[in-house]
Amino acid sequence: MLPLVLALALGAPPEPSQFTVIGTGESTPTGKLTAISLTIGAQVSTPGGAKTVSGLVTLKKPGAAIPPFPGGAHIITAIGDRVPGTLNGGDAKVLRFRHATSDEDWPLAHDTAVAAVWLRPPSADTPTDPAKYTWLAGTPSRDGLLYRNGDAVRGTITGFTETGVKFTPDGAAAREVAIKDLAAIGFNPQFARPRKPKGPYANLVLSDGTRLAVTEVAVKENTLVCKAVCGPAVEVPLANLVSLDVLQGSATYLSDLKPTKAETTGFLGAGWAWTPDRTVRGHPLRLLSDNGENTFDKGLGTHPKIVLTYDLAGKYSRFEALVGLDVVTGKRGRADVRVRVDGKEVPLPELKVIAAGNAVPLRVDVRGAKELTLVIDFGPTGDVQADVNWGGARLVE
């Protein structure tokens, strides 16, 4: 099968934009991407010549904000891909899904590779994690159908046809439900488990909001050629690529670590626990910057007062993140944020007291350090509208 081309349907794509390359070293050159390896590094062509960055961590399109997750019809895979498109039926083993800009279907094993399919835009209060959908939750775990009128039913999906879902509701006879009558389809979270690659892989963010985990990445002319973890080979025009973050490589994200200590103190009651890759309220991590509003896939959601401590074991060179109040739930809040390395506070006056507006970029030297501590304390207004997000919070080797 030929690779699928994920190009925005806007006519001929423009010339590829330049990228800023971030690796394990201090140099962060910007230029035209000419070569890339998830295990070795990346090379860009600059006015001063070719620049190579080893230990690739991130590619970023300068001046581009990280777009929100797809808001219309889209699929969510078990590994966390979020791809806009349409469901085109299937059979007993696979469903056929087509990216919004592709001309070919993706065959995906619906019993293991897919978490949910949204056939219509989800409501604004829908959790980002399919495991938290109220219409899918229950014990024991089951598949679920959400009808366009809001009704929901749980049971077992046994396959697909051209226009319907083969479904056996709990306590009822098997039937075929027309896809046109449904708002969403959810799959048993017990079976829709992420199967991550053993080595480094990358999370791509495209300008249409697509999130896609890929391996075997290479540059071919003005295109990024790669293999999607969920199955198909894809070609992404570089003009449509906003960012590429390497996972399980030279950087370790705090959301993938368990703090050695997590101390919470409530302002008037119980404290708020930290949340991986989401805000403390379960929403996407949104932060403002000079480029506009950014939606991060990786990071921490926190709320005053909480103190998080991480064991570094002297293996990292720096800690970096974009820190600020949530765009929606932090419009009128304040918070006192501090960073300590081996118990010593790092002088970061721009974090005291943090308020609504552009988030603060952090790049903290932790070479040889044994411990990193993040302190999110009450500001002048207590903890009202003080959801503090740590976008892309990671430790780089």
Foldseek 3Di string as FASTA:
>chain_A
DDAWEDDDPPPDFDFFAWKFWDAQDDDTDIAQWDKQACAFFTWHQDPVGIDTHGHTFKIARPLAFQDAAAQFWWFAWQQGWTADFAWQKWWQAWTWTDGPPTPGTDTFGVQATGFKTFHGGDDPPAFSDSQPGPLQDDPPGFKKFQFPVGDIFTFHFRGIDRFWTFTDTVPHGIDTDGPVGTRMIGYGSVRHHDDDDPAKWKWWAWPNNTTFIWHPWIDDNQWIWTATPRGGTHIYGSNGTRMIGIPRTQKDAVLVDDFPDKDADALPDDGQGKHWQAASSRHFAWFQAPSGIHTARGWMKHFPFMKTKHFPVQPFFKKKWWKAAGPPLFQAAWKAKWKDFLNHTDPDVCVVIGHDDHTDIDIGTRHRTGMIMIGIHADPVGGHSGIMITGPTITGD
